[in-house]
Amino acid sequence: MDLFALALIFVILALLFVTVMVGHLLIKPLKTVVKVFNNGFYGLIVLLGGNYLGLFFGIKVPVNLATVAVTGVLGIPGFFLLLLFQVLLKG
C-alpha cells in the first residue's frame, strides 16, 4: 500500500469521525427541544381537561404560556397547584 492510499483512508476515517460527532452534537439538543414541546402539549391537554371538569364546580384556570409551562413541567400536581392558587386568589 502506498502512502497516498494510506493518507486517503486516514482522511476518510477522520471525516467519518467528525460527521458522527457533529451529528451527535446536533441530535442531543433536538431531543431536549422535542421533550419540552411534548411536555407543553401534555400540559395543555391537562389544562383543557381540568377546565372542562372545573366548569361543573365553577373553577377555571386560565390557559396561557405560564400555566401551560407549569403544568408541562410539573404534570398533574402542577395543575392542582394552579387550581389551588386560583381558589385561594378568588377568595
N, C-alpha and C. Protein backbone atom coordinates (compact mmCIF):
# COMPACT_ATOMS: atom_id res chain seq x y z
N MET A 1 0.84 -1.17 0.00
CA MET A 1 0.00 0.00 0.00
C MET A 1 0.89 1.24 0.00
N ASP A 2 0.61 2.12 -0.89
CA ASP A 2 1.46 3.31 -0.95
C ASP A 2 0.96 4.38 0.03
N LEU A 3 1.73 5.43 0.17
CA LEU A 3 1.47 6.48 1.15
C LEU A 3 0.18 7.24 0.83
N PHE A 4 -0.13 7.44 -0.46
CA PHE A 4 -1.33 8.17 -0.84
C PHE A 4 -2.60 7.42 -0.42
N ALA A 5 -2.63 6.11 -0.63
CA ALA A 5 -3.79 5.31 -0.26
C ALA A 5 -3.97 5.31 1.26
N LEU A 6 -2.89 5.23 1.99
CA LEU A 6 -2.96 5.25 3.45
C LEU A 6 -3.47 6.61 3.94
N ALA A 7 -3.01 7.69 3.34
CA ALA A 7 -3.47 9.02 3.71
C ALA A 7 -4.95 9.20 3.37
N LEU A 8 -5.38 8.66 2.24
CA LEU A 8 -6.78 8.74 1.84
C LEU A 8 -7.68 8.00 2.83
N ILE A 9 -7.26 6.83 3.26
CA ILE A 9 -8.02 6.07 4.26
C ILE A 9 -8.10 6.85 5.57
N PHE A 10 -6.99 7.46 5.97
CA PHE A 10 -6.98 8.25 7.20
C PHE A 10 -7.93 9.45 7.10
N VAL A 11 -7.93 10.13 5.97
CA VAL A 11 -8.82 11.29 5.78
C VAL A 11 -10.28 10.86 5.79
N ILE A 12 -10.59 9.75 5.15
CA ILE A 12 -11.97 9.25 5.14
C ILE A 12 -12.43 8.90 6.55
N LEU A 13 -11.57 8.21 7.32
CA LEU A 13 -11.93 7.87 8.70
C LEU A 13 -12.08 9.11 9.57
N ALA A 14 -11.23 10.11 9.36
CA ALA A 14 -11.33 11.35 10.13
C ALA A 14 -12.63 12.08 9.80
N LEU A 15 -12.99 12.14 8.53
CA LEU A 15 -14.25 12.78 8.13
C LEU A 15 -15.46 12.04 8.69
N LEU A 16 -15.39 10.72 8.70
CA LEU A 16 -16.47 9.92 9.27
C LEU A 16 -16.61 10.20 10.77
N PHE A 17 -15.49 10.29 11.46
CA PHE A 17 -15.50 10.59 12.89
C PHE A 17 -16.09 11.97 13.16
N VAL A 18 -15.67 12.96 12.39
CA VAL A 18 -16.19 14.32 12.57
C VAL A 18 -17.69 14.36 12.27
N THR A 19 -18.12 13.66 11.24
CA THR A 19 -19.55 13.62 10.90
C THR A 19 -20.37 13.01 12.02
N VAL A 20 -19.89 11.93 12.60
CA VAL A 20 -20.60 11.29 13.71
C VAL A 20 -20.65 12.21 14.92
N MET A 21 -19.56 12.88 15.23
CA MET A 21 -19.52 13.77 16.40
C MET A 21 -20.46 14.97 16.20
N VAL A 22 -20.46 15.56 15.02
CA VAL A 22 -21.35 16.70 14.75
C VAL A 22 -22.80 16.24 14.79
N GLY A 23 -23.08 15.08 14.25
CA GLY A 23 -24.44 14.54 14.31
C GLY A 23 -24.90 14.32 15.74
N HIS A 24 -24.01 13.82 16.57
CA HIS A 24 -24.33 13.61 17.98
C HIS A 24 -24.60 14.94 18.68
N LEU A 25 -23.80 15.94 18.37
CA LEU A 25 -23.98 17.25 19.00
C LEU A 25 -25.27 17.93 18.55
N LEU A 26 -25.75 17.64 17.35
CA LEU A 26 -26.98 18.24 16.86
C LEU A 26 -28.22 17.50 17.33
N ILE A 27 -28.13 16.19 17.52
CA ILE A 27 -29.31 15.40 17.88
C ILE A 27 -29.65 15.55 19.36
N LYS A 28 -28.67 15.67 20.22
CA LYS A 28 -28.95 15.76 21.65
C LYS A 28 -29.79 16.99 22.00
N PRO A 29 -29.46 18.19 21.53
CA PRO A 29 -30.34 19.34 21.83
C PRO A 29 -31.72 19.21 21.17
N LEU A 30 -31.77 18.56 20.02
CA LEU A 30 -33.05 18.37 19.35
C LEU A 30 -33.98 17.50 20.18
N LYS A 31 -33.43 16.47 20.83
CA LYS A 31 -34.23 15.63 21.71
C LYS A 31 -34.79 16.45 22.87
N THR A 32 -33.98 17.36 23.40
CA THR A 32 -34.43 18.20 24.50
C THR A 32 -35.56 19.12 24.05
N VAL A 33 -35.44 19.69 22.88
CA VAL A 33 -36.48 20.58 22.36
C VAL A 33 -37.78 19.81 22.15
N VAL A 34 -37.69 18.61 21.59
CA VAL A 34 -38.88 17.78 21.37
C VAL A 34 -39.52 17.42 22.70
N LYS A 35 -38.71 17.11 23.70
CA LYS A 35 -39.23 16.77 25.02
C LYS A 35 -39.97 17.95 25.65
N VAL A 36 -39.42 19.15 25.52
CA VAL A 36 -40.07 20.35 26.06
C VAL A 36 -41.41 20.59 25.37
N PHE A 37 -41.45 20.46 24.04
CA PHE A 37 -42.72 20.66 23.33
C PHE A 37 -43.74 19.59 23.70
N ASN A 38 -43.30 18.34 23.87
CA ASN A 38 -44.21 17.28 24.29
C ASN A 38 -44.80 17.58 25.66
N ASN A 39 -43.94 17.99 26.60
CA ASN A 39 -44.44 18.30 27.93
C ASN A 39 -45.41 19.48 27.89
N GLY A 40 -45.12 20.47 27.08
CA GLY A 40 -46.04 21.60 26.94
C GLY A 40 -47.38 21.17 26.36
N PHE A 41 -47.34 20.27 25.39
CA PHE A 41 -48.58 19.75 24.80
C PHE A 41 -49.39 18.98 25.83
N TYR A 42 -48.71 18.12 26.61
CA TYR A 42 -49.41 17.38 27.65
C TYR A 42 -49.97 18.32 28.72
N GLY A 43 -49.23 19.37 29.02
CA GLY A 43 -49.72 20.37 29.97
C GLY A 43 -50.97 21.06 29.46
N LEU A 44 -51.00 21.37 28.16
CA LEU A 44 -52.18 21.99 27.56
C LEU A 44 -53.37 21.05 27.63
N ILE A 45 -53.16 19.77 27.35
CA ILE A 45 -54.24 18.79 27.42
C ILE A 45 -54.78 18.69 28.84
N VAL A 46 -53.89 18.65 29.83
CA VAL A 46 -54.32 18.57 31.23
C VAL A 46 -55.10 19.83 31.61
N LEU A 47 -54.63 21.00 31.18
CA LEU A 47 -55.34 22.25 31.48
C LEU A 47 -56.73 22.27 30.86
N LEU A 48 -56.82 21.89 29.61
CA LEU A 48 -58.13 21.90 28.95
C LEU A 48 -59.08 20.89 29.57
N GLY A 49 -58.57 19.70 29.87
CA GLY A 49 -59.41 18.69 30.53
C GLY A 49 -59.82 19.12 31.93
N GLY A 50 -58.88 19.70 32.66
CA GLY A 50 -59.18 20.18 34.01
C GLY A 50 -60.17 21.32 34.00
N ASN A 51 -60.05 22.21 33.02
CA ASN A 51 -61.01 23.31 32.91
C ASN A 51 -62.40 22.81 32.54
N TYR A 52 -62.44 21.77 31.72
CA TYR A 52 -63.74 21.20 31.37
C TYR A 52 -64.41 20.62 32.61
N LEU A 53 -63.65 19.87 33.41
CA LEU A 53 -64.21 19.32 34.64
C LEU A 53 -64.48 20.42 35.67
N GLY A 54 -63.68 21.47 35.65
CA GLY A 54 -63.86 22.57 36.59
C GLY A 54 -65.11 23.39 36.33
N LEU A 55 -65.66 23.31 35.11
CA LEU A 55 -66.90 24.02 34.82
C LEU A 55 -68.04 23.55 35.71
N PHE A 56 -68.03 22.28 36.09
CA PHE A 56 -69.08 21.75 36.95
C PHE A 56 -68.98 22.29 38.37
N PHE A 57 -67.78 22.74 38.77
CA PHE A 57 -67.56 23.26 40.12
C PHE A 57 -67.36 24.77 40.14
N GLY A 58 -67.37 25.40 39.00
CA GLY A 58 -67.21 26.85 38.92
C GLY A 58 -65.77 27.32 39.08
N ILE A 59 -64.81 26.44 38.80
CA ILE A 59 -63.39 26.79 38.91
C ILE A 59 -62.77 26.69 37.53
N LYS A 60 -62.01 27.71 37.17
CA LYS A 60 -61.36 27.71 35.86
C LYS A 60 -59.96 28.27 36.00
N VAL A 61 -58.97 27.57 35.43
CA VAL A 61 -57.59 28.04 35.41
C VAL A 61 -57.34 28.62 34.02
N PRO A 62 -56.87 29.86 33.93
CA PRO A 62 -56.63 30.45 32.61
C PRO A 62 -55.55 29.69 31.85
N VAL A 63 -55.74 29.58 30.55
CA VAL A 63 -54.77 28.89 29.70
C VAL A 63 -53.88 29.94 29.05
N ASN A 64 -52.63 30.01 29.49
CA ASN A 64 -51.64 30.90 28.89
C ASN A 64 -50.28 30.22 28.94
N LEU A 65 -49.26 30.89 28.48
CA LEU A 65 -47.94 30.28 28.39
C LEU A 65 -47.41 29.85 29.76
N ALA A 66 -47.65 30.67 30.78
CA ALA A 66 -47.14 30.35 32.12
C ALA A 66 -47.83 29.11 32.70
N THR A 67 -49.16 29.03 32.57
CA THR A 67 -49.86 27.88 33.14
C THR A 67 -49.55 26.61 32.37
N VAL A 68 -49.40 26.72 31.06
CA VAL A 68 -49.02 25.54 30.26
C VAL A 68 -47.62 25.09 30.64
N ALA A 69 -46.71 26.03 30.87
CA ALA A 69 -45.34 25.68 31.26
C ALA A 69 -45.32 25.00 32.63
N VAL A 70 -46.07 25.55 33.59
CA VAL A 70 -46.11 24.94 34.93
C VAL A 70 -46.69 23.54 34.85
N THR A 71 -47.79 23.38 34.13
CA THR A 71 -48.41 22.07 34.01
C THR A 71 -47.54 21.12 33.19
N GLY A 72 -46.85 21.64 32.19
CA GLY A 72 -45.97 20.79 31.39
C GLY A 72 -44.78 20.29 32.18
N VAL A 73 -44.23 21.13 33.05
CA VAL A 73 -43.06 20.72 33.84
C VAL A 73 -43.47 19.85 35.02
N LEU A 74 -44.52 20.25 35.73
CA LEU A 74 -44.90 19.55 36.96
C LEU A 74 -45.97 18.48 36.75
N GLY A 75 -46.65 18.50 35.62
CA GLY A 75 -47.66 17.49 35.33
C GLY A 75 -48.95 17.73 36.10
N ILE A 76 -49.60 16.63 36.52
CA ILE A 76 -50.87 16.71 37.24
C ILE A 76 -50.72 17.48 38.56
N PRO A 77 -49.67 17.25 39.35
CA PRO A 77 -49.52 18.07 40.56
C PRO A 77 -49.40 19.56 40.26
N GLY A 78 -48.80 19.91 39.14
CA GLY A 78 -48.72 21.31 38.75
C GLY A 78 -50.09 21.89 38.46
N PHE A 79 -50.96 21.09 37.84
CA PHE A 79 -52.32 21.57 37.60
C PHE A 79 -53.06 21.80 38.91
N PHE A 80 -52.91 20.86 39.84
CA PHE A 80 -53.57 21.04 41.14
C PHE A 80 -53.00 22.22 41.90
N LEU A 81 -51.72 22.49 41.74
CA LEU A 81 -51.12 23.68 42.35
C LEU A 81 -51.73 24.95 41.76
N LEU A 82 -51.88 25.00 40.45
CA LEU A 82 -52.52 26.15 39.81
C LEU A 82 -53.98 26.28 40.24
N LEU A 83 -54.65 25.15 40.38
CA LEU A 83 -56.03 25.15 40.83
C LEU A 83 -56.14 25.69 42.25
N LEU A 84 -55.20 25.29 43.10
CA LEU A 84 -55.17 25.79 44.48
C LEU A 84 -54.92 27.30 44.50
N PHE A 85 -53.98 27.76 43.70
CA PHE A 85 -53.73 29.21 43.61
C PHE A 85 -54.98 29.95 43.14
N GLN A 86 -55.67 29.39 42.17
CA GLN A 86 -56.87 30.03 41.65
C GLN A 86 -57.95 30.13 42.72
N VAL A 87 -58.13 29.06 43.49
CA VAL A 87 -59.14 29.07 44.56
C VAL A 87 -58.74 30.05 45.65
N LEU A 88 -57.46 30.07 46.02
CA LEU A 88 -57.02 30.98 47.08
C LEU A 88 -57.11 32.44 46.64
N LEU A 89 -56.81 32.73 45.39
CA LEU A 89 -56.86 34.11 44.92
C LEU A 89 -58.29 34.60 44.70
N LYS A 90 -59.19 33.68 44.36
CA LYS A 90 -60.59 34.08 44.19
C LYS A 90 -61.21 34.40 45.55
N GLY A 91 -60.70 33.77 46.58
CA GLY A 91 -61.11 34.10 47.93
C GLY A 91 -62.37 33.47 48.34
